[in-house]
Amino acid sequence: MAMGARAGQEKIRDANNRKILHLLMRERELSKQKMAKLTGLSVPTVTSIVTHLIEEGIVEEAGVAVSTGGRKPMITRFLPESRYAFGVDFSSNHLTFSNKIRVILINFDALIKQEVAFDYEDFNSVGEIMSHIRKVTEEMVKTHGIDGNKILGIGISLPGTVNEKKKVLEMAPNLSPELGLKDIHFEQYEKLFPFPLFVENEANAAAFAELLFGVAKKKRNLVYLSLNRGIGAGIVVRGHIYKGNKKRAGEIGHMTVDSGGIVCTCGRRDCWEIYAASGALIRNYNKDSEDKLRDTQEFHSKLDSGDPLAAKIWDVYLDYLVRGINNIILSFDPHYVIIGGEISEFGDALLEPLKTRIFEQNTYYEKDDLEVLLSSFKKNASMLGVALLPFQRLFYGDNKII
């Protein structure tokens, strides 16, 4: 057989395998006959795929179904505990201004089995942090009694500019400067783990999570906004993450939106995230109040209780947030804008006034032109997204989304 024909057959076989896997993940239990009917594949082809998945331990036979005549069909069941992966969030400041690193273990359903958090301040270098992460993952594996062969990898979510192919964090101005988190080559830490290591920009990772399991499952053109200490965006075009020429696409937190002269962590002035990242709420409240707030949750509580200063600051904050979103809509013309990160925890207090203001005094687009949504996973989106990276080949083969 010619090499090209063989490669074509392998590509079709892989596509059929993924088709059956996706179907079983969604439906949980099906007979081979039902799978054949739903996918358009022949029963012998489905049988061959199911046999392979059983050998891999991803599905199992689960008894027989009620017969409608003839032999009773055998049921195949998807096993969510058949594969696992780890996700690590370096982004920090989801709930407080303390620098936290979070590590999660997820199963094939993207269900978080365990989470561990620890402080940057307890370590003197990235190397020490990565060694501690290795210990945390080893303890999780032991706690849950997981066969090491079932772990597909570990993903690390990083704010700033990330080259995922070279596994380099090029710049992250919002992370702890004392650790020198710039030009960090994570490739040197791969040997710490007995499974593959992935790195990704946190907004891109969050968009990936929403595409796979969240609010964006059926949406192909969107901008995901990660609103935490900084602001980043995951830009999705035709179902794929757009990263740009130098992997800088989505660094929208550093577009200029004012002329007040306030210095950003990147060194420039009047960047959008100075006014619309979560830190703006705390900074502005503490500037005018003796009752100092420590985190965004405390501001949220003040806003819910009707605190007039919190309401005033929130009103100004929304105006700045809308200013940036308007620029994004005019730049990318997306079908959807998804609000994620720490600020998405504000729920309806955020979404409803945001929708109203986005379409006020605007002649370029109307309410029916796009939809504004809240993230399904909120503060966990980026961490889930990088944990899902090791699953990407099983889900999509070589047709990568991210």
Protein backbone atom coordinates (compact mmCIF):
# COMPACT_ATOMS: atom_id res chain seq x y z
CA MET A 1 0.00 0.00 0.00
CA ALA A 2 1.30 3.46 -0.88
CA MET A 3 2.45 5.61 2.02
CA GLY A 4 -0.08 8.35 1.20
CA ALA A 5 -2.99 5.88 1.16
CA ARG A 6 -1.84 4.35 4.46
CA ALA A 7 -1.58 7.79 6.07
CA GLY A 8 -5.05 8.64 4.79
CA GLN A 9 -6.51 5.47 6.30
CA GLU A 10 -4.82 6.16 9.64
CA LYS A 11 -6.24 9.69 9.65
CA ILE A 12 -9.76 8.36 9.01
CA ARG A 13 -9.32 5.72 11.71
CA ASP A 14 -8.15 8.31 14.24
CA ALA A 15 -11.08 10.58 13.36
CA ASN A 16 -13.52 7.68 13.84
CA ASN A 17 -11.93 6.79 17.19
CA ARG A 18 -12.39 10.37 18.40
CA LYS A 19 -15.96 10.42 17.11
CA ILE A 20 -16.86 7.37 19.21
CA LEU A 21 -14.94 8.69 22.23
CA HIS A 22 -16.75 12.06 22.11
CA LEU A 23 -20.08 10.28 21.76
CA LEU A 24 -19.48 8.03 24.76
CA MET A 25 -18.22 10.95 26.86
CA ARG A 26 -21.48 12.76 26.13
CA GLU A 27 -23.92 9.85 26.38
CA ARG A 28 -21.99 7.80 28.99
CA GLU A 29 -23.50 4.42 27.99
CA LEU A 30 -24.48 3.13 24.53
CA SER A 31 -24.77 -0.08 22.58
CA LYS A 32 -22.58 -0.57 19.51
CA GLN A 33 -25.69 -0.56 17.35
CA LYS A 34 -26.74 2.83 18.77
CA MET A 35 -23.24 4.23 18.27
CA ALA A 36 -23.27 3.09 14.66
CA LYS A 37 -26.64 4.73 14.09
CA LEU A 38 -25.61 8.04 15.69
CA THR A 39 -22.25 8.28 13.91
CA GLY A 40 -23.04 6.72 10.55
CA LEU A 41 -20.23 4.19 11.01
CA SER A 42 -20.69 0.49 10.38
CA VAL A 43 -21.22 -1.87 13.32
CA PRO A 44 -17.94 -3.75 12.56
CA THR A 45 -16.04 -0.40 12.56
CA VAL A 46 -17.63 0.60 15.87
CA THR A 47 -16.87 -2.83 17.33
CA SER A 48 -13.21 -2.49 16.37
CA ILE A 49 -12.99 1.00 17.93
CA VAL A 50 -14.74 -0.10 21.13
CA THR A 51 -12.42 -3.09 21.45
CA HIS A 52 -9.44 -0.74 21.20
CA LEU A 53 -10.92 1.64 23.80
CA ILE A 54 -11.56 -1.30 26.15
CA GLU A 55 -7.93 -2.39 25.76
CA GLU A 56 -6.88 1.17 26.63
CA GLY A 57 -9.09 1.07 29.71
CA ILE A 58 -11.10 4.11 28.60
CA VAL A 59 -14.43 2.24 28.34
CA GLU A 60 -15.82 -1.04 29.65
CA GLU A 61 -18.58 -3.48 28.87
CA ALA A 62 -21.51 -2.81 31.21
CA GLY A 63 -24.05 -5.56 30.73
CA VAL A 64 -26.78 -5.87 28.15
CA ALA A 65 -29.58 -3.54 27.05
CA VAL A 66 -33.24 -4.40 26.68
CA SER A 67 -33.71 -6.20 23.37
CA THR A 68 -36.21 -5.09 20.75
CA GLY A 69 -35.91 -8.49 19.10
CA GLY A 70 -33.01 -10.87 18.55
CA ARG A 71 -29.84 -10.88 20.63
CA LYS A 72 -29.61 -8.42 23.48
CA PRO A 73 -27.07 -5.68 22.63
CA MET A 74 -24.03 -5.21 24.86
CA ILE A 75 -23.70 -1.80 26.53
CA THR A 76 -20.40 0.12 26.48
CA ARG A 77 -19.74 2.55 29.34
CA PHE A 78 -17.33 5.51 29.40
CA LEU A 79 -14.90 5.54 32.35
CA PRO A 80 -14.11 9.09 33.53
CA GLU A 81 -11.52 7.78 36.02
CA SER A 82 -9.51 6.15 33.22
CA ARG A 83 -7.28 9.18 32.64
CA TYR A 84 -6.04 12.11 34.75
CA ALA A 85 -4.01 15.28 34.40
CA PHE A 86 -2.69 18.09 36.60
CA GLY A 87 -3.20 21.82 36.20
CA VAL A 88 -1.11 24.53 37.85
CA ASP A 89 -2.14 28.18 38.11
CA PHE A 90 0.73 30.65 38.41
CA SER A 91 -1.59 33.59 37.78
CA SER A 92 -2.09 34.45 41.47
CA ASN A 93 -4.50 36.88 43.08
CA HIS A 94 -7.78 35.20 42.22
CA LEU A 95 -9.17 35.75 45.69
CA THR A 96 -6.64 37.94 47.53
CA PHE A 97 -3.57 40.01 46.92
CA SER A 98 -1.39 37.24 48.31
CA ASN A 99 0.55 35.37 45.66
CA LYS A 100 -0.94 31.89 45.51
CA ILE A 101 -0.05 28.98 43.27
CA ARG A 102 -2.84 26.42 42.88
CA VAL A 103 -2.48 22.81 41.75
CA ILE A 104 -5.42 20.64 40.72
CA LEU A 105 -5.93 17.03 39.72
CA ILE A 106 -8.72 16.40 37.19
CA ASN A 107 -10.22 13.30 35.62
CA PHE A 108 -11.37 12.71 32.03
CA ASP A 109 -14.58 14.64 32.74
CA ALA A 110 -12.60 17.74 33.83
CA LEU A 111 -13.87 17.16 37.37
CA ILE A 112 -11.50 18.58 39.98
CA LYS A 113 -10.58 15.68 42.27
CA GLN A 114 -8.32 17.70 44.57
CA GLU A 115 -6.84 21.19 44.88
CA VAL A 116 -3.77 22.33 46.81
CA ALA A 117 -2.62 25.96 47.18
CA PHE A 118 0.61 27.42 48.50
CA ASP A 119 2.37 30.82 48.65
CA TYR A 120 5.05 32.17 46.36
CA GLU A 121 6.67 33.73 49.41
CA ASP A 122 7.65 30.32 50.79
CA PHE A 123 10.17 29.81 47.96
CA ASN A 124 13.21 31.61 46.62
CA SER A 125 13.15 30.54 42.99
CA VAL A 126 11.05 29.01 40.24
CA GLY A 127 13.12 25.86 40.57
CA GLU A 128 12.08 25.49 44.21
CA ILE A 129 8.45 26.07 43.26
CA MET A 130 8.56 23.41 40.54
CA SER A 131 10.19 20.91 42.91
CA HIS A 132 7.40 21.55 45.41
CA ILE A 133 4.79 21.09 42.67
CA ARG A 134 6.33 17.70 41.93
CA LYS A 135 5.92 16.74 45.60
CA VAL A 136 2.32 17.95 45.58
CA THR A 137 1.49 15.87 42.49
CA GLU A 138 3.17 12.80 43.99
CA GLU A 139 1.07 13.17 47.15
CA MET A 140 -2.13 13.55 45.10
CA VAL A 141 -1.34 10.39 43.12
CA LYS A 142 -0.74 8.50 46.36
CA THR A 143 -3.85 9.89 48.06
CA HIS A 144 -6.13 8.81 45.21
CA GLY A 145 -4.33 5.54 44.50
CA ILE A 146 -3.86 6.38 40.82
CA ASP A 147 -1.83 4.23 38.45
CA GLY A 148 0.91 6.52 37.10
CA ASN A 149 0.25 5.29 33.55
CA LYS A 150 -3.18 6.92 33.69
CA ILE A 151 -1.72 10.43 34.11
CA LEU A 152 -1.35 12.15 30.74
CA GLY A 153 0.54 15.26 31.82
CA ILE A 154 0.72 18.52 33.73
CA GLY A 155 -0.21 21.95 32.38
CA ILE A 156 0.98 25.28 33.77
CA SER A 157 -1.09 28.44 33.37
CA LEU A 158 1.00 31.61 33.10
CA PRO A 159 0.00 35.27 32.75
CA GLY A 160 1.87 37.34 30.20
CA THR A 161 3.62 36.34 26.99
CA VAL A 162 4.14 32.58 26.66
CA ASN A 163 5.82 30.58 23.90
CA GLU A 164 4.13 27.21 24.42
CA LYS A 165 6.27 25.39 21.84
CA LYS A 166 9.56 26.40 23.44
CA LYS A 167 7.90 26.27 26.88
CA VAL A 168 9.11 29.76 27.79
CA LEU A 169 7.45 32.43 29.90
CA GLU A 170 8.82 35.50 28.17
CA MET A 171 7.32 38.25 30.33
CA ALA A 172 4.85 38.39 33.23
CA PRO A 173 4.85 41.86 34.84
CA ASN A 174 2.05 40.99 37.30
CA LEU A 175 3.85 38.07 38.93
CA SER A 176 6.26 38.33 41.86
CA PRO A 177 9.20 40.46 40.65
CA GLU A 178 11.45 39.08 43.41
CA LEU A 179 11.35 35.68 41.71
CA GLY A 180 12.52 37.12 38.41
CA LEU A 181 9.63 35.63 36.45
CA LYS A 182 10.84 36.60 33.00
CA ASP A 183 12.40 34.45 30.28
CA ILE A 184 11.76 31.30 32.33
CA HIS A 185 12.44 28.11 30.36
CA PHE A 186 10.10 25.49 31.80
CA GLU A 187 11.66 22.86 29.57
CA GLN A 188 14.40 22.50 32.20
CA TYR A 189 11.78 21.27 34.71
CA GLU A 190 10.33 18.51 32.54
CA LYS A 191 12.71 15.96 34.06
CA LEU A 192 11.03 16.49 37.44
CA PHE A 193 7.88 14.75 36.22
CA PRO A 194 7.26 11.25 34.84
CA PHE A 195 4.74 12.67 32.35
CA PRO A 196 4.68 15.48 29.73
CA LEU A 197 4.71 19.15 30.79
CA PHE A 198 2.76 21.88 28.97
CA VAL A 199 2.71 25.66 29.43
CA GLU A 200 0.16 28.16 28.15
CA ASN A 201 -0.98 31.74 28.56
CA GLU A 202 -3.73 31.82 31.17
CA ALA A 203 -6.36 33.57 29.01
CA ASN A 204 -5.78 31.17 26.12
CA ALA A 205 -6.03 28.23 28.50
CA ALA A 206 -9.29 29.57 29.93
CA ALA A 207 -10.74 29.98 26.45
CA PHE A 208 -9.72 26.38 25.72
CA ALA A 209 -11.60 25.14 28.82
CA GLU A 210 -14.71 27.04 27.75
CA LEU A 211 -14.48 25.59 24.24
CA LEU A 212 -14.19 22.01 25.49
CA PHE A 213 -16.57 21.89 28.43
CA GLY A 214 -17.97 25.34 29.10
CA VAL A 215 -20.23 28.04 27.73
CA ALA A 216 -18.38 28.18 24.39
CA LYS A 217 -18.77 24.51 23.36
CA LYS A 218 -20.73 25.42 20.22
CA LYS A 219 -19.22 28.83 19.57
CA ARG A 220 -16.49 29.34 16.96
CA ASN A 221 -15.67 33.09 17.03
CA LEU A 222 -15.26 34.77 20.40
CA VAL A 223 -13.05 36.74 22.75
CA TYR A 224 -12.60 35.41 26.29
CA LEU A 225 -11.65 38.15 28.77
CA SER A 226 -9.64 37.10 31.81
CA LEU A 227 -10.16 39.82 34.44
CA ASN A 228 -7.86 39.26 37.40
CA ARG A 229 -4.90 41.28 38.66
CA GLY A 230 -4.15 41.85 34.99
CA ILE A 231 -6.32 41.56 31.89
CA GLY A 232 -5.72 39.11 29.08
CA ALA A 233 -7.80 37.71 26.24
CA GLY A 234 -8.16 34.38 24.52
CA ILE A 235 -9.14 35.05 20.91
CA VAL A 236 -10.98 32.22 19.17
CA VAL A 237 -11.34 32.25 15.38
CA ARG A 238 -13.28 29.41 13.72
CA GLY A 239 -12.89 27.22 16.77
CA HIS A 240 -9.11 27.72 17.15
CA ILE A 241 -7.12 29.95 19.51
CA TYR A 242 -5.44 32.79 17.62
CA LYS A 243 -2.01 33.62 19.07
CA GLY A 244 -0.44 35.94 16.55
CA ASN A 245 3.02 36.23 15.03
CA LYS A 246 5.01 36.43 18.28
CA LYS A 247 2.45 34.80 20.64
CA ARG A 248 1.40 38.25 21.88
CA ALA A 249 -2.19 38.27 20.62
CA GLY A 250 -4.56 38.88 23.50
CA GLU A 251 -2.35 41.16 25.63
CA ILE A 252 -5.17 43.67 25.51
CA GLY A 253 -4.73 44.75 29.12
CA HIS A 254 -1.94 47.00 27.88
CA MET A 255 -3.89 49.01 25.35
CA THR A 256 -4.17 52.67 26.35
CA VAL A 257 -7.60 53.83 27.52
CA ASP A 258 -6.95 57.08 29.41
CA SER A 259 -4.59 60.02 29.72
CA GLY A 260 -4.23 60.19 33.49
CA GLY A 261 -0.59 59.21 33.45
CA ILE A 262 -0.91 56.21 35.80
CA VAL A 263 2.05 53.84 35.45
CA CYS A 264 1.29 50.17 34.68
CA THR A 265 3.36 47.18 35.79
CA CYS A 266 4.59 46.89 32.19
CA GLY A 267 6.21 50.33 32.42
CA ARG A 268 3.76 52.11 30.11
CA ARG A 269 1.05 54.49 31.25
CA ASP A 270 -2.75 54.31 31.34
CA CYS A 271 -3.08 50.67 30.31
CA TRP A 272 -6.62 49.27 30.42
CA GLU A 273 -5.82 46.89 33.29
CA ILE A 274 -4.85 49.82 35.54
CA TYR A 275 -8.52 50.84 35.42
CA ALA A 276 -10.41 47.60 34.75
CA ALA A 277 -8.46 44.76 36.43
CA SER A 278 -9.63 43.62 39.86
CA GLY A 279 -6.95 45.60 41.66
CA ALA A 280 -8.57 48.86 40.55
CA LEU A 281 -11.56 48.18 42.80
CA ILE A 282 -9.43 47.65 45.91
CA ARG A 283 -7.02 50.49 45.15
CA ASN A 284 -9.78 53.04 44.57
CA TYR A 285 -11.82 51.97 47.60
CA ASN A 286 -8.86 52.05 49.97
CA LYS A 287 -7.80 55.45 48.65
CA ASP A 288 -11.06 57.03 49.88
CA SER A 289 -11.90 54.91 52.93
CA GLU A 290 -10.35 54.20 56.32
CA ASP A 291 -11.95 50.74 56.21
CA LYS A 292 -9.24 49.11 54.13
CA LEU A 293 -10.14 46.14 51.95
CA ARG A 294 -7.81 43.19 51.45
CA ASP A 295 -9.35 41.47 48.48
CA THR A 296 -12.02 41.55 45.80
CA GLN A 297 -14.38 39.38 47.83
CA GLU A 298 -14.52 42.09 50.50
CA PHE A 299 -15.33 44.68 47.85
CA HIS A 300 -18.05 42.38 46.52
CA SER A 301 -19.55 42.18 50.01
CA LYS A 302 -19.49 45.99 50.32
CA LEU A 303 -21.24 46.31 46.98
CA ASP A 304 -23.91 43.77 47.93
CA SER A 305 -24.56 45.54 51.23
CA GLY A 306 -25.27 48.84 49.47
CA ASP A 307 -22.11 50.64 50.51
CA PRO A 308 -22.29 54.01 48.64
CA LEU A 309 -18.52 54.28 48.09
CA ALA A 310 -18.39 50.75 46.63
CA ALA A 311 -21.34 51.58 44.37
CA LYS A 312 -19.62 54.74 43.12
CA ILE A 313 -16.34 52.92 42.43
CA TRP A 314 -18.19 50.06 40.72
CA ASP A 315 -19.96 52.52 38.43
CA VAL A 316 -16.67 54.08 37.32
CA TYR A 317 -15.11 50.63 36.98
CA LEU A 318 -17.88 49.47 34.64
CA ASP A 319 -17.36 52.50 32.43
CA TYR A 320 -13.67 51.64 32.01
CA LEU A 321 -14.46 47.97 31.46
CA VAL A 322 -16.94 48.85 28.73
CA ARG A 323 -14.44 51.22 27.12
CA GLY A 324 -12.04 48.34 26.54
CA ILE A 325 -14.74 45.90 25.48
CA ASN A 326 -15.97 48.37 22.88
CA ASN A 327 -12.46 48.49 21.43
CA ILE A 328 -12.35 44.68 21.35
CA ILE A 329 -15.70 44.43 19.56
CA LEU A 330 -14.64 46.96 16.96
CA SER A 331 -11.28 45.21 16.49
CA PHE A 332 -12.44 41.58 16.28
CA ASP A 333 -16.20 41.69 15.58
CA PRO A 334 -16.79 38.47 17.58
CA HIS A 335 -20.01 36.51 17.92
CA TYR A 336 -19.44 36.29 21.68
CA VAL A 337 -17.55 38.05 24.46
CA ILE A 338 -17.06 35.84 27.51
CA ILE A 339 -16.22 37.48 30.83
CA GLY A 340 -14.01 35.29 33.00
CA GLY A 341 -11.54 35.42 35.87
CA GLU A 342 -12.06 36.91 39.29
CA ILE A 343 -14.46 39.64 38.15
CA SER A 344 -16.88 37.09 36.70
CA GLU A 345 -17.71 36.12 40.31
CA PHE A 346 -19.81 39.32 40.49
CA GLY A 347 -22.49 37.59 38.40
CA ASP A 348 -25.58 39.62 37.54
CA ALA A 349 -24.19 42.70 39.29
CA LEU A 350 -21.65 42.69 36.47
CA LEU A 351 -23.42 41.17 33.49
CA GLU A 352 -26.66 43.12 33.28
CA PRO A 353 -25.24 46.67 33.58
CA LEU A 354 -22.36 45.63 31.32
CA LYS A 355 -24.74 44.55 28.56
CA THR A 356 -26.65 47.82 28.85
CA ARG A 357 -23.56 50.03 28.67
CA ILE A 358 -21.84 48.14 25.85
CA PHE A 359 -24.66 48.97 23.46
CA GLU A 360 -25.33 52.54 24.65
CA GLN A 361 -24.47 55.42 22.32
CA ASN A 362 -23.09 53.08 19.71
CA THR A 363 -23.66 53.22 15.96
CA TYR A 364 -21.39 50.35 14.84
CA TYR A 365 -23.15 47.32 16.33
CA GLU A 366 -26.48 46.35 17.90
CA LYS A 367 -27.55 43.96 20.64
CA ASP A 368 -28.34 41.22 18.16
CA ASP A 369 -24.83 41.38 16.68
CA LEU A 370 -23.12 39.60 19.58
CA GLU A 371 -23.75 38.01 22.96
CA VAL A 372 -22.01 38.80 26.25
CA LEU A 373 -21.70 35.80 28.59
CA LEU A 374 -20.14 34.90 31.93
CA SER A 375 -17.55 32.13 32.08
CA SER A 376 -18.78 28.70 33.13
CA PHE A 377 -15.69 28.13 35.27
CA LYS A 378 -14.98 31.68 36.48
CA LYS A 379 -11.74 31.77 38.53
CA ASN A 380 -10.95 28.12 37.71
CA ALA A 381 -11.08 28.44 33.91
CA SER A 382 -7.37 28.89 33.17
CA MET A 383 -6.34 26.17 35.60
CA LEU A 384 -8.82 23.73 34.07
CA GLY A 385 -7.70 24.74 30.58
CA VAL A 386 -4.06 23.83 31.15
CA ALA A 387 -5.07 20.61 32.90
CA LEU A 388 -6.99 19.72 29.73
CA LEU A 389 -4.00 20.31 27.44
CA PRO A 390 -2.67 16.75 27.95
CA PHE A 391 -6.06 15.47 26.72
CA GLN A 392 -5.97 17.52 23.53
CA ARG A 393 -4.57 14.83 21.25
CA LEU A 394 -7.18 12.32 22.44
CA PHE A 395 -9.92 14.90 21.85
CA TYR A 396 -8.73 16.37 18.55
CA GLY A 397 -5.71 14.47 17.22
CA ASP A 398 -3.42 16.69 15.16
CA ASN A 399 -6.20 19.24 14.55
CA LYS A 400 -5.24 21.29 17.58
CA ILE A 401 -7.47 24.01 18.97
CA ILE A 402 -4.71 25.66 21.01
